Amino acid sequence: MNLHEYQSKVLFSEYGIPVPQGFVAYSEQDARSAAARLGGEVWVVKAQVHAGGRGKAGGVRVARTIDEVGEYAKEMLGTFLVTHQSTENGLPVDCVYIEQGSAIDQEFY
């Protein structure tokens, strides 16, 4: 079974595991609206594909303005993201996940 990050976070939340708030977006305008709904000053735009290595491949971007959220979403949507875990042709980016930004103490994969 393959789940996108946003689908996994819904399950985590249902079982009381804290996750940052976020919204899935299928267009640049959806992404801008999601950031506006979330509020704050920093957002993370994440390509939703079934492969690791998204950050190194440009599929995870930190945005500091709503305009940047829209710009990054537009750059990702409709493209194929090539990571070390994908095929050489990459995987289609049909949606992005817009999440509240937060300070990072430690990352686990």
Protein backbone atom coordinates (compact mmCIF):
# COMPACT_ATOMS: atom_id res chain seq x y z
CA MET A 1 0.00 0.00 0.00
CA ASN A 2 1.31 3.44 -0.89
CA LEU A 3 0.13 6.54 0.92
CA HIS A 4 1.01 10.12 0.18
CA GLU A 5 2.42 12.13 3.06
CA TYR A 6 -0.83 14.05 3.53
CA GLN A 7 -2.81 10.79 3.73
CA SER A 8 -0.43 9.41 6.35
CA LYS A 9 -0.75 12.58 8.40
CA VAL A 10 -4.54 12.25 8.45
CA LEU A 11 -4.14 8.76 9.92
CA PHE A 12 -1.58 9.98 12.47
CA SER A 13 -3.93 12.75 13.53
CA GLU A 14 -6.85 10.33 13.92
CA TYR A 15 -4.74 8.35 16.41
CA GLY A 16 -3.66 11.38 18.41
CA ILE A 17 -0.18 11.74 16.94
CA PRO A 18 0.54 15.47 16.60
CA VAL A 19 1.32 16.67 13.08
CA PRO A 20 1.68 20.17 11.63
CA GLN A 21 -1.50 21.46 10.03
CA GLY A 22 -1.60 21.38 6.25
CA PHE A 23 -3.76 21.17 3.15
CA VAL A 24 -3.44 19.36 -0.16
CA ALA A 25 -3.44 21.58 -3.27
CA TYR A 26 -4.03 20.70 -6.92
CA SER A 27 -3.35 24.15 -8.38
CA GLU A 28 -1.34 27.29 -7.75
CA GLN A 29 -4.48 29.03 -6.47
CA ASP A 30 -5.29 26.09 -4.15
CA ALA A 31 -1.77 26.41 -2.74
CA ARG A 32 -2.11 30.14 -2.13
CA SER A 33 -5.49 29.62 -0.46
CA ALA A 34 -4.06 26.86 1.73
CA ALA A 35 -1.24 29.12 2.93
CA ALA A 36 -3.71 31.92 3.66
CA ARG A 37 -5.92 29.52 5.66
CA LEU A 38 -2.92 28.26 7.63
CA GLY A 39 -1.65 31.74 8.41
CA GLY A 40 1.84 32.29 9.72
CA GLU A 41 5.01 33.49 8.05
CA VAL A 42 6.60 30.27 6.77
CA TRP A 43 5.14 27.37 4.79
CA VAL A 44 6.54 24.21 3.26
CA VAL A 45 5.45 23.18 -0.24
CA LYS A 46 5.87 19.42 -0.71
CA ALA A 47 5.45 17.44 -3.92
CA GLN A 48 3.30 14.38 -3.22
CA VAL A 49 4.95 11.37 -4.87
CA HIS A 50 5.63 7.85 -3.65
CA ALA A 51 9.41 8.17 -3.34
CA GLY A 52 11.97 9.35 -0.85
CA GLY A 53 14.57 11.97 -1.61
CA ARG A 54 12.04 14.66 -2.51
CA GLY A 55 13.96 17.40 -0.74
CA LYS A 56 17.22 16.75 -2.55
CA ALA A 57 15.33 16.57 -5.85
CA GLY A 58 13.64 19.97 -5.39
CA GLY A 59 10.28 18.55 -4.31
CA VAL A 60 10.29 20.26 -0.90
CA ARG A 61 10.59 24.05 -0.76
CA VAL A 62 10.35 26.52 2.12
CA ALA A 63 8.27 29.59 1.28
CA ARG A 64 8.34 32.86 3.20
CA THR A 65 5.51 34.60 1.33
CA ILE A 66 2.19 33.47 -0.10
CA ASP A 67 3.50 34.48 -3.53
CA GLU A 68 6.39 32.03 -3.08
CA VAL A 69 3.93 29.29 -2.07
CA GLY A 70 2.08 29.81 -5.36
CA GLU A 71 5.30 30.02 -7.36
CA TYR A 72 6.72 26.79 -5.92
CA ALA A 73 3.42 24.94 -6.37
CA LYS A 74 3.23 26.09 -9.99
CA GLU A 75 6.82 24.92 -10.60
CA MET A 76 6.09 21.45 -9.18
CA LEU A 77 2.56 20.66 -10.36
CA GLY A 78 2.32 18.81 -13.65
CA THR A 79 6.00 17.87 -13.67
CA PHE A 80 7.81 14.59 -13.08
CA LEU A 81 10.01 14.47 -9.99
CA VAL A 82 13.15 12.36 -10.35
CA THR A 83 14.61 11.11 -7.05
CA HIS A 84 17.06 8.38 -6.12
CA GLN A 85 14.02 6.15 -5.45
CA SER A 86 12.07 6.87 -8.64
CA THR A 87 12.50 5.62 -12.17
CA GLU A 88 14.72 7.65 -14.48
CA ASN A 89 11.57 9.27 -15.90
CA GLY A 90 10.41 10.36 -12.46
CA LEU A 91 6.98 10.34 -10.87
CA PRO A 92 4.12 12.70 -11.74
CA VAL A 93 3.39 15.51 -9.30
CA ASP A 94 -0.40 15.77 -9.33
CA CYS A 95 -0.71 17.56 -6.00
CA VAL A 96 1.36 19.33 -3.39
CA TYR A 97 0.98 19.51 0.37
CA ILE A 98 1.11 22.95 1.96
CA GLU A 99 2.16 22.75 5.58
CA GLN A 100 2.90 25.22 8.34
CA GLY A 101 6.60 25.82 8.68
CA SER A 102 8.28 24.99 11.97
CA ALA A 103 11.72 25.03 13.53
CA ILE A 104 13.61 21.79 12.91
CA ASP A 105 15.59 20.29 15.78
CA GLN A 106 16.09 16.86 14.23
CA GLU A 107 14.88 14.98 11.14
CA PHE A 108 14.14 11.27 10.85
CA TYR A 109 13.61 9.28 7.66
